[in-house]
Amino acid sequence: MMCRLLFNLIEIIDVLTNLYIAAITAEAMTGALSAGRRGMDPVGVIFVACVTAIGGGSVRDMLLGTYPLTWIAHPSYIVMIICAALFTIIIKNMMPKMMRFFIVLDAVGLITFSILGAQKTLDVGHGYVIAAIMAVITGVFGGVLRDILCQNVPLVFRKELYASVSLVAVVLYFLLQILGLSQPTVIVITLVIGFMLRMLAVRFNMELPKFIYQGAASH
């Protein structure tokens, strides 16, 4: 029984790893597109792609003081990101037809990043509050950095529910762990529900209330 549970856990971890690789590839391509909209050269495109794909995890690791950073420990990730960025340049005319696919992959990536960020934080000894913060940072901060580099207001602050989906998913992840469910079950349920929440937010354009102030600036 124990061996079977261990085998199932290893399988889930492998699935998460594959989802992570798919997610950083998709994020790299969205970063490359954002750089292209700003007319950047290939170096700029690659840089923005890298920041988009691994920026959130890098910020998390630096805040936690966990070294080496994930992409330094696994340099193959950088190679994949660079290839994805260059591939985006080559197939740029096909990208509009693939946007729905990227929305789906981005949703999977958001929840995957959030789970991995939360668990890594718990593994180094922090509590649930810090783990939740790090989960959201892992999930959304790459996109925030991408938009800042491209001189845009970060999408996460003005579009459909995104960071809040990450937070809800990771709170669910913690609750399921506290209830004593097996780790594979916790991961699968969190992935499915988190993905569904993000898709609903996109489908129905669900947003948080916006703060709008049009008065004079104070001096």
N, C-alpha and C. Protein backbone atom coordinates (compact mmCIF):
# COMPACT_ATOMS: atom_id res chain seq x y z
N MET A 1 0.84 -1.20 0.00
CA MET A 1 0.00 0.00 0.00
C MET A 1 0.87 1.26 0.00
N MET A 2 1.89 1.26 0.86
CA MET A 2 2.79 2.41 0.95
C MET A 2 3.53 2.61 -0.37
N CYS A 3 3.96 1.50 -0.98
CA CYS A 3 4.68 1.61 -2.25
C CYS A 3 3.79 2.20 -3.34
N ARG A 4 2.51 1.80 -3.32
CA ARG A 4 1.59 2.33 -4.33
C ARG A 4 1.35 3.81 -4.14
N LEU A 5 1.20 4.24 -2.89
CA LEU A 5 1.02 5.67 -2.62
C LEU A 5 2.24 6.46 -3.07
N LEU A 6 3.44 5.90 -2.80
CA LEU A 6 4.67 6.57 -3.20
C LEU A 6 4.75 6.66 -4.72
N PHE A 7 4.36 5.59 -5.38
CA PHE A 7 4.38 5.58 -6.85
C PHE A 7 3.42 6.63 -7.41
N ASN A 8 2.23 6.71 -6.82
CA ASN A 8 1.25 7.71 -7.27
C ASN A 8 1.77 9.12 -7.07
N LEU A 9 2.44 9.35 -5.94
CA LEU A 9 3.00 10.67 -5.66
C LEU A 9 4.07 11.03 -6.67
N ILE A 10 4.92 10.06 -6.99
CA ILE A 10 5.98 10.30 -7.98
C ILE A 10 5.37 10.63 -9.34
N GLU A 11 4.29 9.91 -9.69
CA GLU A 11 3.61 10.20 -10.96
C GLU A 11 3.06 11.62 -10.99
N ILE A 12 2.44 12.05 -9.88
CA ILE A 12 1.88 13.39 -9.81
C ILE A 12 2.98 14.43 -9.91
N ILE A 13 4.10 14.18 -9.23
CA ILE A 13 5.24 15.11 -9.29
C ILE A 13 5.74 15.23 -10.72
N ASP A 14 5.81 14.09 -11.43
CA ASP A 14 6.22 14.12 -12.84
C ASP A 14 5.24 14.93 -13.67
N VAL A 15 3.95 14.78 -13.40
CA VAL A 15 2.93 15.55 -14.12
C VAL A 15 3.12 17.03 -13.85
N LEU A 16 3.35 17.40 -12.58
CA LEU A 16 3.57 18.81 -12.24
C LEU A 16 4.80 19.36 -12.95
N THR A 17 5.85 18.55 -13.01
CA THR A 17 7.07 18.99 -13.69
C THR A 17 6.79 19.25 -15.17
N ASN A 18 6.06 18.34 -15.80
CA ASN A 18 5.73 18.52 -17.21
C ASN A 18 4.82 19.73 -17.43
N LEU A 19 3.87 19.92 -16.52
CA LEU A 19 3.01 21.10 -16.61
C LEU A 19 3.82 22.37 -16.42
N TYR A 20 4.79 22.33 -15.51
CA TYR A 20 5.66 23.49 -15.27
C TYR A 20 6.44 23.83 -16.54
N ILE A 21 6.99 22.81 -17.19
CA ILE A 21 7.76 23.04 -18.42
C ILE A 21 6.86 23.63 -19.51
N ALA A 22 5.66 23.07 -19.64
CA ALA A 22 4.72 23.61 -20.63
C ALA A 22 4.35 25.04 -20.30
N ALA A 23 4.18 25.32 -19.00
CA ALA A 23 3.78 26.66 -18.57
C ALA A 23 4.87 27.69 -18.83
N ILE A 24 6.12 27.37 -18.49
CA ILE A 24 7.18 28.35 -18.72
C ILE A 24 7.40 28.57 -20.21
N THR A 25 7.16 27.54 -21.01
CA THR A 25 7.26 27.71 -22.46
C THR A 25 6.19 28.66 -22.97
N ALA A 26 4.96 28.46 -22.51
CA ALA A 26 3.86 29.34 -22.92
C ALA A 26 4.09 30.77 -22.43
N GLU A 27 4.54 30.91 -21.19
CA GLU A 27 4.79 32.25 -20.65
C GLU A 27 5.91 32.94 -21.41
N ALA A 28 6.93 32.17 -21.79
CA ALA A 28 8.02 32.73 -22.58
C ALA A 28 7.51 33.28 -23.90
N MET A 29 6.59 32.55 -24.51
CA MET A 29 6.05 32.99 -25.80
C MET A 29 5.18 34.23 -25.65
N THR A 30 4.41 34.32 -24.57
CA THR A 30 3.62 35.54 -24.34
C THR A 30 4.53 36.72 -24.06
N GLY A 31 5.63 36.46 -23.35
CA GLY A 31 6.60 37.52 -23.11
C GLY A 31 7.23 38.00 -24.39
N ALA A 32 7.55 37.05 -25.28
CA ALA A 32 8.14 37.41 -26.57
C ALA A 32 7.17 38.26 -27.39
N LEU A 33 5.89 37.90 -27.35
CA LEU A 33 4.89 38.68 -28.09
C LEU A 33 4.78 40.10 -27.55
N SER A 34 4.82 40.24 -26.22
CA SER A 34 4.75 41.57 -25.62
C SER A 34 5.94 42.41 -26.03
N ALA A 35 7.13 41.78 -26.06
CA ALA A 35 8.33 42.50 -26.50
C ALA A 35 8.21 42.89 -27.97
N GLY A 36 7.62 42.00 -28.77
CA GLY A 36 7.44 42.29 -30.19
C GLY A 36 6.52 43.47 -30.41
N ARG A 37 5.49 43.59 -29.57
CA ARG A 37 4.57 44.73 -29.70
C ARG A 37 5.28 46.05 -29.42
N ARG A 38 6.38 45.98 -28.67
CA ARG A 38 7.17 47.18 -28.38
C ARG A 38 8.35 47.34 -29.34
N GLY A 39 8.42 46.47 -30.35
CA GLY A 39 9.46 46.60 -31.36
C GLY A 39 10.86 46.31 -30.86
N MET A 40 11.01 45.40 -29.91
CA MET A 40 12.33 45.08 -29.37
C MET A 40 13.11 44.18 -30.32
N ASP A 41 14.44 44.24 -30.21
CA ASP A 41 15.28 43.35 -31.00
C ASP A 41 15.31 41.96 -30.35
N PRO A 42 15.93 40.96 -31.00
CA PRO A 42 15.92 39.60 -30.45
C PRO A 42 16.46 39.48 -29.03
N VAL A 43 17.45 40.30 -28.68
CA VAL A 43 17.97 40.25 -27.31
C VAL A 43 16.89 40.69 -26.32
N GLY A 44 16.20 41.77 -26.65
CA GLY A 44 15.11 42.23 -25.80
C GLY A 44 13.99 41.23 -25.71
N VAL A 45 13.67 40.59 -26.83
CA VAL A 45 12.62 39.57 -26.84
C VAL A 45 12.98 38.42 -25.92
N ILE A 46 14.20 37.94 -26.01
CA ILE A 46 14.65 36.83 -25.16
C ILE A 46 14.65 37.24 -23.69
N PHE A 47 15.11 38.45 -23.41
CA PHE A 47 15.16 38.91 -22.02
C PHE A 47 13.76 38.98 -21.41
N VAL A 48 12.83 39.58 -22.14
CA VAL A 48 11.46 39.69 -21.63
C VAL A 48 10.84 38.30 -21.49
N ALA A 49 11.12 37.42 -22.43
CA ALA A 49 10.60 36.05 -22.35
C ALA A 49 11.11 35.35 -21.09
N CYS A 50 12.39 35.51 -20.79
CA CYS A 50 12.97 34.89 -19.60
C CYS A 50 12.35 35.45 -18.32
N VAL A 51 12.23 36.75 -18.27
CA VAL A 51 11.64 37.39 -17.08
C VAL A 51 10.20 36.92 -16.88
N THR A 52 9.46 36.83 -17.98
CA THR A 52 8.06 36.40 -17.88
C THR A 52 7.94 34.97 -17.37
N ALA A 53 8.78 34.10 -17.89
CA ALA A 53 8.67 32.67 -17.58
C ALA A 53 9.17 32.31 -16.20
N ILE A 54 10.27 32.92 -15.76
CA ILE A 54 10.89 32.49 -14.50
C ILE A 54 11.03 33.61 -13.48
N GLY A 55 10.47 34.78 -13.81
CA GLY A 55 10.60 35.92 -12.89
C GLY A 55 9.92 35.68 -11.56
N GLY A 56 8.71 35.11 -11.58
CA GLY A 56 7.98 34.87 -10.34
C GLY A 56 8.70 33.91 -9.41
N GLY A 57 9.17 32.81 -9.97
CA GLY A 57 9.90 31.84 -9.16
C GLY A 57 11.22 32.38 -8.64
N SER A 58 11.88 33.21 -9.44
CA SER A 58 13.15 33.79 -9.01
C SER A 58 12.95 34.77 -7.86
N VAL A 59 11.91 35.62 -7.97
CA VAL A 59 11.60 36.55 -6.88
C VAL A 59 11.28 35.78 -5.61
N ARG A 60 10.49 34.72 -5.74
CA ARG A 60 10.15 33.89 -4.58
C ARG A 60 11.40 33.32 -3.92
N ASP A 61 12.29 32.74 -4.73
CA ASP A 61 13.49 32.11 -4.18
C ASP A 61 14.38 33.14 -3.49
N MET A 62 14.48 34.33 -4.06
CA MET A 62 15.31 35.37 -3.44
C MET A 62 14.70 35.84 -2.13
N LEU A 63 13.38 35.99 -2.08
CA LEU A 63 12.72 36.40 -0.84
C LEU A 63 12.86 35.34 0.24
N LEU A 64 12.81 34.08 -0.17
CA LEU A 64 12.94 32.99 0.80
C LEU A 64 14.39 32.70 1.15
N GLY A 65 15.32 33.20 0.34
CA GLY A 65 16.73 32.92 0.57
C GLY A 65 17.11 31.50 0.22
N THR A 66 16.40 30.91 -0.75
CA THR A 66 16.71 29.55 -1.18
C THR A 66 17.52 29.59 -2.46
N TYR A 67 18.73 29.09 -2.38
CA TYR A 67 19.65 29.12 -3.52
C TYR A 67 20.20 27.72 -3.76
N PRO A 68 20.61 27.40 -5.01
CA PRO A 68 20.55 28.26 -6.19
C PRO A 68 19.12 28.46 -6.67
N LEU A 69 18.92 29.53 -7.43
CA LEU A 69 17.61 29.76 -8.03
C LEU A 69 17.26 28.58 -8.93
N THR A 70 15.96 28.37 -9.11
CA THR A 70 15.51 27.19 -9.86
C THR A 70 16.15 27.09 -11.24
N TRP A 71 16.23 28.21 -11.95
CA TRP A 71 16.77 28.15 -13.31
C TRP A 71 18.28 27.98 -13.33
N ILE A 72 18.94 28.30 -12.22
CA ILE A 72 20.38 28.04 -12.13
C ILE A 72 20.61 26.57 -11.83
N ALA A 73 19.75 26.00 -11.00
CA ALA A 73 19.84 24.57 -10.70
C ALA A 73 19.45 23.73 -11.92
N HIS A 74 18.59 24.28 -12.76
CA HIS A 74 18.12 23.56 -13.96
C HIS A 74 18.30 24.46 -15.18
N PRO A 75 19.53 24.63 -15.67
CA PRO A 75 19.77 25.54 -16.80
C PRO A 75 19.06 25.15 -18.08
N SER A 76 18.60 23.91 -18.14
CA SER A 76 17.85 23.49 -19.34
C SER A 76 16.59 24.32 -19.50
N TYR A 77 16.05 24.85 -18.38
CA TYR A 77 14.86 25.69 -18.47
C TYR A 77 15.15 26.95 -19.28
N ILE A 78 16.32 27.53 -19.07
CA ILE A 78 16.70 28.73 -19.81
C ILE A 78 16.80 28.43 -21.30
N VAL A 79 17.38 27.29 -21.63
CA VAL A 79 17.50 26.89 -23.03
C VAL A 79 16.12 26.77 -23.67
N MET A 80 15.19 26.14 -22.95
CA MET A 80 13.82 25.99 -23.47
C MET A 80 13.15 27.34 -23.67
N ILE A 81 13.36 28.24 -22.72
CA ILE A 81 12.75 29.57 -22.82
C ILE A 81 13.29 30.34 -24.02
N ILE A 82 14.60 30.29 -24.21
CA ILE A 82 15.22 30.98 -25.35
C ILE A 82 14.69 30.40 -26.67
N CYS A 83 14.61 29.08 -26.74
CA CYS A 83 14.09 28.43 -27.95
C CYS A 83 12.64 28.85 -28.20
N ALA A 84 11.85 28.92 -27.12
CA ALA A 84 10.44 29.32 -27.26
C ALA A 84 10.34 30.76 -27.77
N ALA A 85 11.21 31.64 -27.26
CA ALA A 85 11.19 33.04 -27.69
C ALA A 85 11.55 33.16 -29.17
N LEU A 86 12.59 32.46 -29.58
CA LEU A 86 13.01 32.51 -30.98
C LEU A 86 11.96 31.88 -31.89
N PHE A 87 11.35 30.80 -31.41
CA PHE A 87 10.30 30.14 -32.19
C PHE A 87 9.10 31.07 -32.38
N THR A 88 8.82 31.88 -31.36
CA THR A 88 7.72 32.84 -31.45
C THR A 88 7.98 33.87 -32.54
N ILE A 89 9.23 34.31 -32.64
CA ILE A 89 9.60 35.26 -33.70
C ILE A 89 9.34 34.65 -35.08
N ILE A 90 9.66 33.36 -35.20
CA ILE A 90 9.53 32.68 -36.49
C ILE A 90 8.06 32.51 -36.89
N ILE A 91 7.21 32.16 -35.91
CA ILE A 91 5.81 31.85 -36.23
C ILE A 91 4.86 32.97 -35.82
N LYS A 92 5.35 34.18 -35.74
CA LYS A 92 4.55 35.29 -35.22
C LYS A 92 3.22 35.45 -35.95
N ASN A 93 3.18 35.18 -37.25
CA ASN A 93 1.94 35.35 -38.00
C ASN A 93 0.88 34.31 -37.65
N MET A 94 1.30 33.22 -37.04
CA MET A 94 0.35 32.17 -36.65
C MET A 94 -0.19 32.37 -35.24
N MET A 95 0.43 33.25 -34.47
CA MET A 95 0.10 33.37 -33.05
C MET A 95 -1.35 33.76 -32.77
N PRO A 96 -1.97 34.67 -33.55
CA PRO A 96 -3.37 35.03 -33.25
C PRO A 96 -4.31 33.83 -33.24
N LYS A 97 -4.03 32.82 -34.06
CA LYS A 97 -4.88 31.63 -34.13
C LYS A 97 -4.69 30.72 -32.92
N MET A 98 -3.63 30.95 -32.15
CA MET A 98 -3.30 30.07 -31.04
C MET A 98 -3.63 30.67 -29.68
N MET A 99 -4.28 31.83 -29.66
CA MET A 99 -4.46 32.54 -28.40
C MET A 99 -5.35 31.77 -27.42
N ARG A 100 -6.37 31.07 -27.90
CA ARG A 100 -7.21 30.29 -26.98
C ARG A 100 -6.40 29.20 -26.30
N PHE A 101 -5.53 28.58 -27.08
CA PHE A 101 -4.66 27.55 -26.52
C PHE A 101 -3.78 28.14 -25.43
N PHE A 102 -3.26 29.35 -25.66
CA PHE A 102 -2.40 29.98 -24.67
C PHE A 102 -3.17 30.36 -23.41
N ILE A 103 -4.43 30.75 -23.56
CA ILE A 103 -5.25 31.07 -22.39
C ILE A 103 -5.42 29.84 -21.51
N VAL A 104 -5.68 28.70 -22.14
CA VAL A 104 -5.83 27.44 -21.39
C VAL A 104 -4.51 27.07 -20.72
N LEU A 105 -3.42 27.14 -21.47
CA LEU A 105 -2.12 26.77 -20.92
C LEU A 105 -1.70 27.72 -19.81
N ASP A 106 -2.04 29.00 -19.98
CA ASP A 106 -1.71 29.98 -18.95
C ASP A 106 -2.47 29.69 -17.66
N ALA A 107 -3.72 29.26 -17.77
CA ALA A 107 -4.51 28.93 -16.58
C ALA A 107 -3.91 27.74 -15.85
N VAL A 108 -3.52 26.72 -16.61
CA VAL A 108 -2.86 25.56 -16.01
C VAL A 108 -1.55 25.98 -15.35
N GLY A 109 -0.81 26.84 -16.05
CA GLY A 109 0.46 27.31 -15.51
C GLY A 109 0.30 28.11 -14.23
N LEU A 110 -0.73 28.96 -14.18
CA LEU A 110 -0.97 29.76 -12.98
C LEU A 110 -1.15 28.87 -11.76
N ILE A 111 -1.99 27.84 -11.88
CA ILE A 111 -2.24 26.97 -10.74
C ILE A 111 -1.02 26.11 -10.44
N THR A 112 -0.34 25.65 -11.47
CA THR A 112 0.88 24.86 -11.26
C THR A 112 1.93 25.67 -10.53
N PHE A 113 2.19 26.90 -11.01
CA PHE A 113 3.15 27.78 -10.35
C PHE A 113 2.75 28.02 -8.89
N SER A 114 1.47 28.23 -8.66
CA SER A 114 0.99 28.53 -7.31
C SER A 114 1.20 27.35 -6.37
N ILE A 115 0.88 26.14 -6.85
CA ILE A 115 1.09 24.95 -6.02
C ILE A 115 2.56 24.75 -5.71
N LEU A 116 3.40 24.84 -6.73
CA LEU A 116 4.83 24.64 -6.52
C LEU A 116 5.40 25.70 -5.59
N GLY A 117 4.97 26.95 -5.77
CA GLY A 117 5.45 28.03 -4.90
C GLY A 117 5.04 27.83 -3.47
N ALA A 118 3.79 27.42 -3.26
CA ALA A 118 3.29 27.19 -1.90
C ALA A 118 4.03 26.04 -1.23
N GLN A 119 4.18 24.94 -1.95
CA GLN A 119 4.80 23.76 -1.35
C GLN A 119 6.28 24.00 -1.05
N LYS A 120 6.97 24.70 -1.95
CA LYS A 120 8.38 24.98 -1.71
C LYS A 120 8.55 25.84 -0.46
N THR A 121 7.63 26.78 -0.26
CA THR A 121 7.68 27.64 0.93
C THR A 121 7.42 26.83 2.19
N LEU A 122 6.44 25.95 2.14
CA LEU A 122 6.17 25.08 3.30
C LEU A 122 7.37 24.17 3.58
N ASP A 123 8.00 23.68 2.52
CA ASP A 123 9.12 22.75 2.69
C ASP A 123 10.32 23.38 3.39
N VAL A 124 10.48 24.71 3.26
CA VAL A 124 11.61 25.36 3.93
C VAL A 124 11.24 25.86 5.32
N GLY A 125 10.02 25.53 5.78
CA GLY A 125 9.67 25.78 7.17
C GLY A 125 8.77 26.96 7.46
N HIS A 126 8.27 27.64 6.45
CA HIS A 126 7.39 28.78 6.69
C HIS A 126 5.94 28.31 6.84
N GLY A 127 5.11 29.19 7.42
CA GLY A 127 3.71 28.87 7.65
C GLY A 127 2.84 29.17 6.45
N TYR A 128 1.53 29.00 6.67
CA TYR A 128 0.58 29.12 5.57
C TYR A 128 0.48 30.54 5.01
N VAL A 129 0.59 31.55 5.85
CA VAL A 129 0.45 32.93 5.35
C VAL A 129 1.56 33.26 4.37
N ILE A 130 2.80 32.99 4.77
CA ILE A 130 3.93 33.26 3.88
C ILE A 130 3.86 32.38 2.64
N ALA A 131 3.44 31.14 2.82
CA ALA A 131 3.32 30.22 1.68
C ALA A 131 2.30 30.73 0.67
N ALA A 132 1.19 31.29 1.16
CA ALA A 132 0.17 31.84 0.26
C ALA A 132 0.71 33.04 -0.51
N ILE A 133 1.43 33.90 0.18
CA ILE A 133 2.02 35.08 -0.48
C ILE A 133 3.01 34.64 -1.56
N MET A 134 3.86 33.68 -1.22
CA MET A 134 4.86 33.21 -2.17
C MET A 134 4.22 32.47 -3.34
N ALA A 135 3.10 31.80 -3.09
CA ALA A 135 2.38 31.13 -4.17
C ALA A 135 1.88 32.14 -5.20
N VAL A 136 1.30 33.23 -4.71
CA VAL A 136 0.79 34.26 -5.62
C VAL A 136 1.94 34.94 -6.35
N ILE A 137 3.02 35.22 -5.65
CA ILE A 137 4.20 35.82 -6.30
C ILE A 137 4.71 34.91 -7.40
N THR A 138 4.81 33.62 -7.11
CA THR A 138 5.28 32.67 -8.11
C THR A 138 4.36 32.65 -9.32
N GLY A 139 3.05 32.72 -9.06
CA GLY A 139 2.08 32.61 -10.13
C GLY A 139 1.96 33.83 -11.02
N VAL A 140 2.13 35.02 -10.46
CA VAL A 140 1.77 36.22 -11.23
C VAL A 140 2.92 37.20 -11.47
N PHE A 141 4.01 37.09 -10.72
CA PHE A 141 4.99 38.18 -10.76
C PHE A 141 5.77 38.22 -12.06
N GLY A 142 5.92 37.08 -12.74
CA GLY A 142 6.58 37.12 -14.04
C GLY A 142 5.83 38.00 -15.02
N GLY A 143 4.50 37.89 -15.02
CA GLY A 143 3.69 38.74 -15.88
C GLY A 143 3.74 40.20 -15.49
N VAL A 144 3.82 40.46 -14.19
CA VAL A 144 3.94 41.84 -13.72
C VAL A 144 5.24 42.46 -14.24
N LEU A 145 6.34 41.73 -14.10
CA LEU A 145 7.64 42.22 -14.58
C LEU A 145 7.63 42.41 -16.10
N ARG A 146 6.99 41.49 -16.81
CA ARG A 146 6.88 41.61 -18.27
C ARG A 146 6.20 42.92 -18.65
N ASP A 147 5.07 43.20 -18.02
CA ASP A 147 4.31 44.40 -18.37
C ASP A 147 5.06 45.67 -18.00
N ILE A 148 5.77 45.65 -16.87
CA ILE A 148 6.56 46.81 -16.48
C ILE A 148 7.67 47.06 -17.50
N LEU A 149 8.37 46.01 -17.92
CA LEU A 149 9.44 46.15 -18.91
C LEU A 149 8.90 46.66 -20.24
N CYS A 150 7.65 46.29 -20.55
CA CYS A 150 7.03 46.73 -21.81
C CYS A 150 6.22 48.01 -21.64
N GLN A 151 6.37 48.66 -20.48
CA GLN A 151 5.75 49.95 -20.20
C GLN A 151 4.22 49.89 -20.27
N ASN A 152 3.66 48.84 -19.69
CA ASN A 152 2.21 48.69 -19.59
C ASN A 152 1.81 48.56 -18.13
N VAL A 153 0.58 48.99 -17.81
CA VAL A 153 0.03 48.69 -16.49
C VAL A 153 -0.16 47.18 -16.42
N PRO A 154 0.40 46.50 -15.43
CA PRO A 154 0.30 45.03 -15.38
C PRO A 154 -1.13 44.53 -15.53
N LEU A 155 -1.31 43.57 -16.43
CA LEU A 155 -2.63 43.01 -16.69
C LEU A 155 -3.27 42.44 -15.43
N VAL A 156 -2.44 41.91 -14.55
CA VAL A 156 -2.97 41.28 -13.34
C VAL A 156 -3.71 42.28 -12.45
N PHE A 157 -3.43 43.57 -12.64
CA PHE A 157 -4.08 44.61 -11.83
C PHE A 157 -5.32 45.21 -12.49
N ARG A 158 -5.61 44.81 -13.72
CA ARG A 158 -6.71 45.50 -14.41
C ARG A 158 -7.58 44.60 -15.29
N LYS A 159 -7.32 43.31 -15.30
CA LYS A 159 -8.11 42.41 -16.14
C LYS A 159 -8.87 41.41 -15.28
N GLU A 160 -9.29 40.27 -15.90
CA GLU A 160 -10.08 39.28 -15.18
C GLU A 160 -9.33 38.77 -13.95
N LEU A 161 -10.09 38.12 -13.08
CA LEU A 161 -9.51 37.56 -11.86
C LEU A 161 -8.30 36.70 -12.20
N TYR A 162 -7.18 37.00 -11.58
CA TYR A 162 -5.95 36.25 -11.86
C TYR A 162 -5.21 35.95 -10.57
N ALA A 163 -4.68 37.00 -9.93
CA ALA A 163 -3.99 36.79 -8.66
C ALA A 163 -4.94 36.22 -7.62
N SER A 164 -6.19 36.66 -7.64
CA SER A 164 -7.17 36.16 -6.68
C SER A 164 -7.48 34.68 -6.92
N VAL A 165 -7.44 34.24 -8.18
CA VAL A 165 -7.62 32.81 -8.47
C VAL A 165 -6.46 32.02 -7.88
N SER A 166 -5.25 32.55 -8.03
CA SER A 166 -4.08 31.90 -7.44
C SER A 166 -4.24 31.76 -5.93
N LEU A 167 -4.71 32.83 -5.29
CA LEU A 167 -4.87 32.82 -3.84
C LEU A 167 -5.94 31.82 -3.41
N VAL A 168 -7.08 31.82 -4.10
CA VAL A 168 -8.15 30.88 -3.76
C VAL A 168 -7.67 29.44 -3.94
N ALA A 169 -6.95 29.19 -5.03
CA ALA A 169 -6.46 27.83 -5.29
C ALA A 169 -5.51 27.36 -4.20
N VAL A 170 -4.63 28.24 -3.77
CA VAL A 170 -3.65 27.82 -2.78
C VAL A 170 -4.28 27.67 -1.39
N VAL A 171 -5.29 28.47 -1.08
CA VAL A 171 -6.02 28.28 0.17
C VAL A 171 -6.73 26.93 0.16
N LEU A 172 -7.32 26.58 -0.98
CA LEU A 172 -7.93 25.26 -1.13
C LEU A 172 -6.88 24.17 -0.94
N TYR A 173 -5.72 24.37 -1.51
CA TYR A 173 -4.61 23.41 -1.38
C TYR A 173 -4.26 23.17 0.08
N PHE A 174 -4.18 24.25 0.85
CA PHE A 174 -3.87 24.12 2.28
C PHE A 174 -4.99 23.39 3.03
N LEU A 175 -6.23 23.76 2.75
CA LEU A 175 -7.37 23.15 3.44
C LEU A 175 -7.43 21.65 3.18
N LEU A 176 -7.19 21.25 1.95
CA LEU A 176 -7.21 19.83 1.62
C LEU A 176 -6.08 19.08 2.33
N GLN A 177 -4.93 19.73 2.46
CA GLN A 177 -3.83 19.12 3.21
C GLN A 177 -4.21 18.96 4.68
N ILE A 178 -4.81 20.00 5.25
CA ILE A 178 -5.20 19.96 6.66
C ILE A 178 -6.24 18.86 6.90
N LEU A 179 -7.11 18.63 5.92
CA LEU A 179 -8.12 17.59 6.04
C LEU A 179 -7.53 16.19 5.97
N GLY A 180 -6.26 16.10 5.61
CA GLY A 180 -5.58 14.81 5.62
C GLY A 180 -5.67 14.03 4.33
N LEU A 181 -6.08 14.66 3.24
CA LEU A 181 -6.12 13.95 1.96
C LEU A 181 -4.70 13.66 1.48
N SER A 182 -4.57 12.63 0.67
CA SER A 182 -3.25 12.30 0.14
C SER A 182 -2.75 13.42 -0.77
N GLN A 183 -1.44 13.57 -0.85
CA GLN A 183 -0.87 14.66 -1.65
C GLN A 183 -1.28 14.59 -3.12
N PRO A 184 -1.28 13.40 -3.76
CA PRO A 184 -1.76 13.37 -5.15
C PRO A 184 -3.18 13.87 -5.30
N THR A 185 -4.05 13.49 -4.35
CA THR A 185 -5.45 13.93 -4.41
C THR A 185 -5.55 15.44 -4.23
N VAL A 186 -4.77 15.98 -3.30
CA VAL A 186 -4.76 17.42 -3.05
C VAL A 186 -4.35 18.18 -4.30
N ILE A 187 -3.31 17.71 -4.96
CA ILE A 187 -2.80 18.38 -6.15
C ILE A 187 -3.81 18.34 -7.29
N VAL A 188 -4.40 17.18 -7.51
CA VAL A 188 -5.36 17.03 -8.61
C VAL A 188 -6.59 17.92 -8.39
N ILE A 189 -7.14 17.89 -7.18
CA ILE A 189 -8.34 18.70 -6.89
C ILE A 189 -8.02 20.19 -7.04
N THR A 190 -6.87 20.61 -6.54
CA THR A 190 -6.48 22.02 -6.64
C THR A 190 -6.30 22.43 -8.08
N LEU A 191 -5.65 21.60 -8.87
CA LEU A 191 -5.45 21.90 -10.29
C LEU A 191 -6.78 22.04 -11.02
N VAL A 192 -7.68 21.11 -10.79
CA VAL A 192 -8.96 21.11 -11.51
C VAL A 192 -9.81 22.31 -11.12
N ILE A 193 -9.97 22.55 -9.82
CA ILE A 193 -10.82 23.65 -9.37
C ILE A 193 -10.20 25.00 -9.71
N GLY A 194 -8.89 25.13 -9.52
CA GLY A 194 -8.22 26.38 -9.87
C GLY A 194 -8.33 26.69 -11.35
N PHE A 195 -8.15 25.67 -12.18
CA PHE A 195 -8.27 25.84 -13.63
C PHE A 195 -9.69 26.28 -14.00
N MET A 196 -10.68 25.64 -13.40
CA MET A 196 -12.08 25.98 -13.70
C MET A 196 -12.39 27.41 -13.29
N LEU A 197 -11.87 27.85 -12.14
CA LEU A 197 -12.11 29.22 -11.70
C LEU A 197 -11.52 30.23 -12.68
N ARG A 198 -10.31 29.96 -13.14
CA ARG A 198 -9.68 30.88 -14.08
C ARG A 198 -10.43 30.92 -15.40
N MET A 199 -10.87 29.77 -15.89
CA MET A 199 -11.62 29.72 -17.14
C MET A 199 -12.96 30.45 -17.02
N LEU A 200 -13.61 30.31 -15.87
CA LEU A 200 -14.87 31.03 -15.64
C LEU A 200 -14.63 32.54 -15.62
N ALA A 201 -13.51 32.94 -15.01
CA ALA A 201 -13.18 34.37 -14.96
C ALA A 201 -12.97 34.93 -16.36
N VAL A 202 -12.31 34.15 -17.21
CA VAL A 202 -12.08 34.59 -18.59
C VAL A 202 -13.39 34.59 -19.38
N ARG A 203 -14.15 33.52 -19.22
CA ARG A 203 -15.39 33.37 -20.01
C ARG A 203 -16.39 34.47 -19.69
N PHE A 204 -16.54 34.81 -18.42
CA PHE A 204 -17.56 35.78 -18.02
C PHE A 204 -16.97 37.14 -17.65
N ASN A 205 -15.68 37.32 -17.97
CA ASN A 205 -15.02 38.61 -17.73
C ASN A 205 -15.19 39.06 -16.28
N MET A 206 -14.96 38.15 -15.36
CA MET A 206 -15.12 38.43 -13.93
C MET A 206 -13.94 39.25 -13.43
N GLU A 207 -14.23 40.38 -12.80
CA GLU A 207 -13.19 41.28 -12.31
C GLU A 207 -13.50 41.72 -10.89
N LEU A 208 -12.46 42.14 -10.18
CA LEU A 208 -12.66 42.79 -8.89
C LEU A 208 -13.10 44.23 -9.13
N PRO A 209 -13.80 44.84 -8.18
CA PRO A 209 -14.18 46.25 -8.34
C PRO A 209 -12.94 47.12 -8.52
N LYS A 210 -13.03 48.09 -9.41
CA LYS A 210 -11.89 48.97 -9.67
C LYS A 210 -11.97 50.23 -8.83
N PHE A 211 -10.81 50.72 -8.40
CA PHE A 211 -10.72 51.99 -7.68
C PHE A 211 -10.42 53.07 -8.70
N ILE A 212 -11.32 54.02 -8.85
CA ILE A 212 -11.14 55.10 -9.81
C ILE A 212 -11.16 56.43 -9.06
N TYR A 213 -10.09 57.19 -9.21
CA TYR A 213 -10.00 58.50 -8.56
C TYR A 213 -9.62 59.53 -9.60
N GLN A 214 -10.43 60.56 -9.74
CA GLN A 214 -10.19 61.57 -10.77
C GLN A 214 -10.01 62.96 -10.18
N GLY A 215 -9.82 63.02 -8.88
CA GLY A 215 -9.60 64.31 -8.25
C GLY A 215 -8.19 64.82 -8.47
N ALA A 216 -7.93 66.00 -7.97
CA ALA A 216 -6.60 66.59 -8.10
C ALA A 216 -5.62 65.85 -7.21
N ALA A 217 -4.39 65.76 -7.68
CA ALA A 217 -3.35 65.11 -6.89
C ALA A 217 -2.98 66.00 -5.71
N SER A 218 -2.70 65.38 -4.58
CA SER A 218 -2.31 66.16 -3.40
C SER A 218 -0.86 66.58 -3.51
N HIS A 219 -0.51 67.66 -2.82
CA HIS A 219 0.86 68.17 -2.86
C HIS A 219 1.48 68.09 -1.47
